[in-house]
Amino acid sequence: MKIWKYEEKKPTHRLVKLYKEDHGEGDYMGDLDDEAVKSMILEIKPDMNVNQAFGTLSYFGMLPILVIIKK
């Protein structure tokens, strides 16, 4: 799966969007196999349901991941 990754970091949160197509924002991560994509998702948010997230990305072509930074 070809993946583009956009990332925004703020003091209170981190927003990462993974895309299957070039939307003009983000960096091209490469043509990754399913396990590499799932690993990338878990690196961003380890407690995420990776199978559900991967399904969302596969079906809709975009997966937004919001990580709240606890202080």
PDB file of N, CA and C in Angstrom:
ATOM      1  N   MET A   1       0.849  -1.173   0.000  1.00  0.00           N
ATOM      2  CA  MET A   1       0.000   0.000   0.000  1.00  0.00           C
ATOM      3  C   MET A   1       0.897   1.239   0.000  1.00  0.00           C
ATOM      4  N   LYS A   2       0.663   2.139  -0.928  1.00  0.00           N
ATOM      5  CA  LYS A   2       1.415   3.394  -0.949  1.00  0.00           C
ATOM      6  C   LYS A   2       0.879   4.289   0.161  1.00  0.00           C
ATOM      7  N   ILE A   3       1.772   4.861   0.976  1.00  0.00           N
ATOM      8  CA  ILE A   3       1.361   5.635   2.143  1.00  0.00           C
ATOM      9  C   ILE A   3       2.045   6.999   2.158  1.00  0.00           C
ATOM     10  N   TRP A   4       1.245   8.034   2.413  1.00  0.00           N
ATOM     11  CA  TRP A   4       1.736   9.382   2.687  1.00  0.00           C
ATOM     12  C   TRP A   4       1.404   9.687   4.144  1.00  0.00           C
ATOM     13  N   LYS A   5       2.309  10.365   4.831  1.00  0.00           N
ATOM     14  CA  LYS A   5       2.126  10.654   6.250  1.00  0.00           C
ATOM     15  C   LYS A   5       2.286  12.146   6.498  1.00  0.00           C
ATOM     16  N   TYR A   6       1.248  12.735   7.113  1.00  0.00           N
ATOM     17  CA  TYR A   6       1.271  14.140   7.515  1.00  0.00           C
ATOM     18  C   TYR A   6       1.265  14.170   9.039  1.00  0.00           C
ATOM     19  N   GLU A   7       2.095  15.019   9.629  1.00  0.00           N
ATOM     20  CA  GLU A   7       2.161  15.086  11.083  1.00  0.00           C
ATOM     21  C   GLU A   7       2.170  16.531  11.565  1.00  0.00           C
ATOM     22  N   GLU A   8       1.410  16.761  12.630  1.00  0.00           N
ATOM     23  CA  GLU A   8       1.314  18.077  13.254  1.00  0.00           C
ATOM     24  C   GLU A   8       1.506  17.882  14.762  1.00  0.00           C
ATOM     25  N   LYS A   9       2.469  18.580  15.335  1.00  0.00           N
ATOM     26  CA  LYS A   9       2.728  18.457  16.772  1.00  0.00           C
ATOM     27  C   LYS A   9       2.425  19.779  17.462  1.00  0.00           C
ATOM     28  N   LYS A  10       1.651  19.692  18.525  1.00  0.00           N
ATOM     29  CA  LYS A  10       1.297  20.839  19.366  1.00  0.00           C
ATOM     30  C   LYS A  10       1.643  20.475  20.805  1.00  0.00           C
ATOM     31  N   PRO A  11       1.665  21.443  21.712  1.00  0.00           N
ATOM     32  CA  PRO A  11       1.983  21.126  23.111  1.00  0.00           C
ATOM     33  C   PRO A  11       0.992  20.151  23.756  1.00  0.00           C
ATOM     34  N   THR A  12      -0.256  20.152  23.299  1.00  0.00           N
ATOM     35  CA  THR A  12      -1.279  19.317  23.925  1.00  0.00           C
ATOM     36  C   THR A  12      -1.608  18.040  23.160  1.00  0.00           C
ATOM     37  N   HIS A  13      -1.230  17.970  21.884  1.00  0.00           N
ATOM     38  CA  HIS A  13      -1.587  16.797  21.098  1.00  0.00           C
ATOM     39  C   HIS A  13      -0.653  16.619  19.898  1.00  0.00           C
ATOM     40  N   ARG A  14      -0.767  15.454  19.306  1.00  0.00           N
ATOM     41  CA  ARG A  14      -0.059  15.121  18.074  1.00  0.00           C
ATOM     42  C   ARG A  14      -1.111  14.557  17.122  1.00  0.00           C
ATOM     43  N   LEU A  15      -1.182  15.106  15.939  1.00  0.00           N
ATOM     44  CA  LEU A  15      -2.115  14.627  14.931  1.00  0.00           C
ATOM     45  C   LEU A  15      -1.323  14.056  13.763  1.00  0.00           C
ATOM     46  N   VAL A  16      -1.620  12.820  13.434  1.00  0.00           N
ATOM     47  CA  VAL A  16      -0.974  12.164  12.300  1.00  0.00           C
ATOM     48  C   VAL A  16      -2.069  11.683  11.365  1.00  0.00           C
ATOM     49  N   LYS A  17      -1.911  11.987  10.083  1.00  0.00           N
ATOM     50  CA  LYS A  17      -2.853  11.498   9.080  1.00  0.00           C
ATOM     51  C   LYS A  17      -2.091  10.606   8.112  1.00  0.00           C
ATOM     52  N   LEU A  18      -2.601   9.421   7.901  1.00  0.00           N
ATOM     53  CA  LEU A  18      -2.043   8.506   6.914  1.00  0.00           C
ATOM     54  C   LEU A  18      -2.992   8.461   5.722  1.00  0.00           C
ATOM     55  N   TYR A  19      -2.438   8.601   4.538  1.00  0.00           N
ATOM     56  CA  TYR A  19      -3.212   8.608   3.305  1.00  0.00           C
ATOM     57  C   TYR A  19      -2.745   7.506   2.366  1.00  0.00           C
ATOM     58  N   LYS A  20      -3.671   6.984   1.558  1.00  0.00           N
ATOM     59  CA  LYS A  20      -3.313   6.026   0.509  1.00  0.00           C
ATOM     60  C   LYS A  20      -3.002   6.730  -0.809  1.00  0.00           C
ATOM     61  N   GLU A  21      -3.325   8.025  -0.902  1.00  0.00           N
ATOM     62  CA  GLU A  21      -3.055   8.798  -2.114  1.00  0.00           C
ATOM     63  C   GLU A  21      -2.421  10.119  -1.719  1.00  0.00           C
ATOM     64  N   ASP A  22      -1.740  10.727  -2.648  1.00  0.00           N
ATOM     65  CA  ASP A  22      -1.104  12.017  -2.406  1.00  0.00           C
ATOM     66  C   ASP A  22      -2.174  13.106  -2.338  1.00  0.00           C
ATOM     67  N   HIS A  23      -2.313  13.732  -1.173  1.00  0.00           N
ATOM     68  CA  HIS A  23      -3.292  14.810  -0.986  1.00  0.00           C
ATOM     69  C   HIS A  23      -2.608  16.174  -0.946  1.00  0.00           C
ATOM     70  N   GLY A  24      -1.336  16.224  -1.298  1.00  0.00           N
ATOM     71  CA  GLY A  24      -0.622  17.491  -1.326  1.00  0.00           C
ATOM     72  C   GLY A  24      -0.062  17.894   0.023  1.00  0.00           C
ATOM     73  N   GLU A  25      -0.272  17.084   1.034  1.00  0.00           N
ATOM     74  CA  GLU A  25       0.330  17.341   2.341  1.00  0.00           C
ATOM     75  C   GLU A  25       0.963  16.045   2.820  1.00  0.00           C
ATOM     76  N   GLY A  26       2.052  16.185   3.511  1.00  0.00           N
ATOM     77  CA  GLY A  26       2.713  14.996   4.050  1.00  0.00           C
ATOM     78  C   GLY A  26       3.842  14.498   3.189  1.00  0.00           C
ATOM     79  N   ASP A  27       4.498  13.481   3.704  1.00  0.00           N
ATOM     80  CA  ASP A  27       5.662  12.890   3.048  1.00  0.00           C
ATOM     81  C   ASP A  27       5.342  11.483   2.583  1.00  0.00           C
ATOM     82  N   TYR A  28       5.884  11.113   1.439  1.00  0.00           N
ATOM     83  CA  TYR A  28       5.697   9.765   0.904  1.00  0.00           C
ATOM     84  C   TYR A  28       6.537   8.795   1.716  1.00  0.00           C
ATOM     85  N   MET A  29       5.897   7.787   2.290  1.00  0.00           N
ATOM     86  CA  MET A  29       6.585   6.818   3.140  1.00  0.00           C
ATOM     87  C   MET A  29       7.015   5.578   2.370  1.00  0.00           C
ATOM     88  N   GLY A  30       6.434   5.361   1.200  1.00  0.00           N
ATOM     89  CA  GLY A  30       6.815   4.216   0.398  1.00  0.00           C
ATOM     90  C   GLY A  30       5.642   3.292   0.131  1.00  0.00           C
ATOM     91  N   ASP A  31       5.919   2.230  -0.599  1.00  0.00           N
ATOM     92  CA  ASP A  31       4.938   1.199  -0.889  1.00  0.00           C
ATOM     93  C   ASP A  31       5.162   0.100   0.142  1.00  0.00           C
ATOM     94  N   LEU A  32       4.340   0.090   1.175  1.00  0.00           N
ATOM     95  CA  LEU A  32       4.555  -0.759   2.340  1.00  0.00           C
ATOM     96  C   LEU A  32       3.609  -1.955   2.341  1.00  0.00           C
ATOM     97  N   ASP A  33       4.096  -3.077   2.894  1.00  0.00           N
ATOM     98  CA  ASP A  33       3.197  -4.220   3.049  1.00  0.00           C
ATOM     99  C   ASP A  33       2.287  -3.991   4.257  1.00  0.00           C
ATOM    100  N   ASP A  34       1.293  -4.841   4.413  1.00  0.00           N
ATOM    101  CA  ASP A  34       0.282  -4.660   5.462  1.00  0.00           C
ATOM    102  C   ASP A  34       0.903  -4.594   6.854  1.00  0.00           C
ATOM    103  N   GLU A  35       1.850  -5.453   7.134  1.00  0.00           N
ATOM    104  CA  GLU A  35       2.464  -5.492   8.467  1.00  0.00           C
ATOM    105  C   GLU A  35       3.266  -4.220   8.759  1.00  0.00           C
ATOM    106  N   ALA A  36       3.926  -3.666   7.751  1.00  0.00           N
ATOM    107  CA  ALA A  36       4.678  -2.421   7.937  1.00  0.00           C
ATOM    108  C   ALA A  36       3.730  -1.256   8.239  1.00  0.00           C
ATOM    109  N   VAL A  37       2.575  -1.233   7.580  1.00  0.00           N
ATOM    110  CA  VAL A  37       1.593  -0.182   7.835  1.00  0.00           C
ATOM    111  C   VAL A  37       1.040  -0.324   9.253  1.00  0.00           C
ATOM    112  N   LYS A  38       0.711  -1.550   9.649  1.00  0.00           N
ATOM    113  CA  LYS A  38       0.196  -1.792  11.000  1.00  0.00           C
ATOM    114  C   LYS A  38       1.236  -1.405  12.054  1.00  0.00           C
ATOM    115  N   SER A  39       2.494  -1.709  11.801  1.00  0.00           N
ATOM    116  CA  SER A  39       3.567  -1.329  12.735  1.00  0.00           C
ATOM    117  C   SER A  39       3.667   0.187  12.858  1.00  0.00           C
ATOM    118  N   MET A  40       3.531   0.899  11.742  1.00  0.00           N
ATOM    119  CA  MET A  40       3.584   2.356  11.754  1.00  0.00           C
ATOM    120  C   MET A  40       2.448   2.924  12.604  1.00  0.00           C
ATOM    121  N   ILE A  41       1.256   2.350  12.456  1.00  0.00           N
ATOM    122  CA  ILE A  41       0.102   2.799  13.245  1.00  0.00           C
ATOM    123  C   ILE A  41       0.379   2.602  14.731  1.00  0.00           C
ATOM    124  N   LEU A  42       0.902   1.439  15.102  1.00  0.00           N
ATOM    125  CA  LEU A  42       1.178   1.154  16.514  1.00  0.00           C
ATOM    126  C   LEU A  42       2.317   1.990  17.076  1.00  0.00           C
ATOM    127  N   GLU A  43       3.254   2.404  16.246  1.00  0.00           N
ATOM    128  CA  GLU A  43       4.322   3.302  16.704  1.00  0.00           C
ATOM    129  C   GLU A  43       3.733   4.673  17.069  1.00  0.00           C
ATOM    130  N   ILE A  44       2.726   5.090  16.321  1.00  0.00           N
ATOM    131  CA  ILE A  44       2.095   6.383  16.578  1.00  0.00           C
ATOM    132  C   ILE A  44       1.225   6.318  17.829  1.00  0.00           C
ATOM    133  N   LYS A  45       0.417   5.262  17.934  1.00  0.00           N
ATOM    134  CA  LYS A  45      -0.503   5.116  19.069  1.00  0.00           C
ATOM    135  C   LYS A  45      -0.583   3.640  19.460  1.00  0.00           C
ATOM    136  N   PRO A  46       0.247   3.217  20.405  1.00  0.00           N
ATOM    137  CA  PRO A  46       0.351   1.797  20.763  1.00  0.00           C
ATOM    138  C   PRO A  46      -0.939   1.146  21.261  1.00  0.00           C
ATOM    139  N   ASP A  47      -1.864   1.917  21.831  1.00  0.00           N
ATOM    140  CA  ASP A  47      -3.086   1.325  22.366  1.00  0.00           C
ATOM    141  C   ASP A  47      -4.237   1.296  21.355  1.00  0.00           C
ATOM    142  N   MET A  48      -3.954   1.629  20.109  1.00  0.00           N
ATOM    143  CA  MET A  48      -4.994   1.668  19.081  1.00  0.00           C
ATOM    144  C   MET A  48      -5.339   0.251  18.624  1.00  0.00           C
ATOM    145  N   ASN A  49      -6.610   0.034  18.290  1.00  0.00           N
ATOM    146  CA  ASN A  49      -7.034  -1.230  17.697  1.00  0.00           C
ATOM    147  C   ASN A  49      -6.507  -1.249  16.260  1.00  0.00           C
ATOM    148  N   VAL A  50      -5.392  -1.918  16.076  1.00  0.00           N
ATOM    149  CA  VAL A  50      -4.671  -1.819  14.809  1.00  0.00           C
ATOM    150  C   VAL A  50      -5.451  -2.423  13.648  1.00  0.00           C
ATOM    151  N   ASN A  51      -6.198  -3.477  13.876  1.00  0.00           N
ATOM    152  CA  ASN A  51      -6.962  -4.085  12.780  1.00  0.00           C
ATOM    153  C   ASN A  51      -8.091  -3.168  12.324  1.00  0.00           C
ATOM    154  N   GLN A  52      -8.755  -2.523  13.258  1.00  0.00           N
ATOM    155  CA  GLN A  52      -9.810  -1.574  12.917  1.00  0.00           C
ATOM    156  C   GLN A  52      -9.225  -0.357  12.194  1.00  0.00           C
ATOM    157  N   ALA A  53      -8.099   0.157  12.701  1.00  0.00           N
ATOM    158  CA  ALA A  53      -7.447   1.312  12.083  1.00  0.00           C
ATOM    159  C   ALA A  53      -6.983   0.985  10.663  1.00  0.00           C
ATOM    160  N   PHE A  54      -6.387  -0.182  10.490  1.00  0.00           N
ATOM    161  CA  PHE A  54      -5.920  -0.606   9.168  1.00  0.00           C
ATOM    162  C   PHE A  54      -7.104  -0.746   8.205  1.00  0.00           C
ATOM    163  N   GLY A  55      -8.210  -1.282   8.709  1.00  0.00           N
ATOM    164  CA  GLY A  55      -9.413  -1.408   7.879  1.00  0.00           C
ATOM    165  C   GLY A  55      -9.946  -0.057   7.442  1.00  0.00           C
ATOM    166  N   THR A  56      -9.936   0.912   8.354  1.00  0.00           N
ATOM    167  CA  THR A  56     -10.383   2.269   8.022  1.00  0.00           C
ATOM    168  C   THR A  56      -9.502   2.871   6.932  1.00  0.00           C
ATOM    169  N   LEU A  57      -8.195   2.739   7.093  1.00  0.00           N
ATOM    170  CA  LEU A  57      -7.258   3.253   6.095  1.00  0.00           C
ATOM    171  C   LEU A  57      -7.460   2.569   4.746  1.00  0.00           C
ATOM    172  N   SER A  58      -7.615   1.264   4.769  1.00  0.00           N
ATOM    173  CA  SER A  58      -7.791   0.512   3.527  1.00  0.00           C
ATOM    174  C   SER A  58      -9.084   0.908   2.806  1.00  0.00           C
ATOM    175  N   TYR A  59     -10.161   1.063   3.569  1.00  0.00           N
ATOM    176  CA  TYR A  59     -11.470   1.333   2.968  1.00  0.00           C
ATOM    177  C   TYR A  59     -11.639   2.796   2.555  1.00  0.00           C
ATOM    178  N   PHE A  60     -11.340   3.716   3.475  1.00  0.00           N
ATOM    179  CA  PHE A  60     -11.580   5.136   3.213  1.00  0.00           C
ATOM    180  C   PHE A  60     -10.390   5.846   2.580  1.00  0.00           C
ATOM    181  N   GLY A  61      -9.192   5.257   2.676  1.00  0.00           N
ATOM    182  CA  GLY A  61      -8.016   5.871   2.084  1.00  0.00           C
ATOM    183  C   GLY A  61      -7.339   6.905   2.957  1.00  0.00           C
ATOM    184  N   MET A  62      -7.869   7.107   4.172  1.00  0.00           N
ATOM    185  CA  MET A  62      -7.290   8.086   5.101  1.00  0.00           C
ATOM    186  C   MET A  62      -7.555   7.630   6.518  1.00  0.00           C
ATOM    187  N   LEU A  63      -6.547   7.817   7.378  1.00  0.00           N
ATOM    188  CA  LEU A  63      -6.683   7.479   8.788  1.00  0.00           C
ATOM    189  C   LEU A  63      -6.106   8.608   9.624  1.00  0.00           C
ATOM    190  N   PRO A  64      -6.969   9.370  10.323  1.00  0.00           N
ATOM    191  CA  PRO A  64      -6.442  10.377  11.243  1.00  0.00           C
ATOM    192  C   PRO A  64      -6.204   9.745  12.613  1.00  0.00           C
ATOM    193  N   ILE A  65      -5.062  10.032  13.216  1.00  0.00           N
ATOM    194  CA  ILE A  65      -4.727   9.508  14.537  1.00  0.00           C
ATOM    195  C   ILE A  65      -4.414  10.690  15.429  1.00  0.00           C
ATOM    196  N   LEU A  66      -5.193  10.856  16.481  1.00  0.00           N
ATOM    197  CA  LEU A  66      -4.987  11.941  17.428  1.00  0.00           C
ATOM    198  C   LEU A  66      -4.427  11.348  18.724  1.00  0.00           C
ATOM    199  N   VAL A  67      -3.285  11.865  19.141  1.00  0.00           N
ATOM    200  CA  VAL A  67      -2.660  11.426  20.378  1.00  0.00           C
ATOM    201  C   VAL A  67      -2.659  12.619  21.338  1.00  0.00           C
ATOM    202  N   ILE A  68      -3.337  12.457  22.470  1.00  0.00           N
ATOM    203  CA  ILE A  68      -3.382  13.512  23.501  1.00  0.00           C
ATOM    204  C   ILE A  68      -2.148  13.379  24.384  1.00  0.00           C
ATOM    205  N   ILE A  69      -1.452  14.465  24.558  1.00  0.00           N
ATOM    206  CA  ILE A  69      -0.243  14.473  25.382  1.00  0.00           C
ATOM    207  C   ILE A  69      -0.626  14.781  26.810  1.00  0.00           C
ATOM    208  N   LYS A  70      -0.388  13.823  27.688  1.00  0.00           N
ATOM    209  CA  LYS A  70      -0.722  13.995  29.102  1.00  0.00           C
ATOM    210  C   LYS A  70       0.426  14.652  29.828  1.00  0.00           C
ATOM    211  N   LYS A  71       0.095  15.562  30.723  1.00  0.00           N
ATOM    212  CA  LYS A  71       1.133  16.245  31.493  1.00  0.00           C
ATOM    213  C   LYS A  71       1.026  15.888  32.936  1.00  0.00           C
TER     214      LYS A  71
END
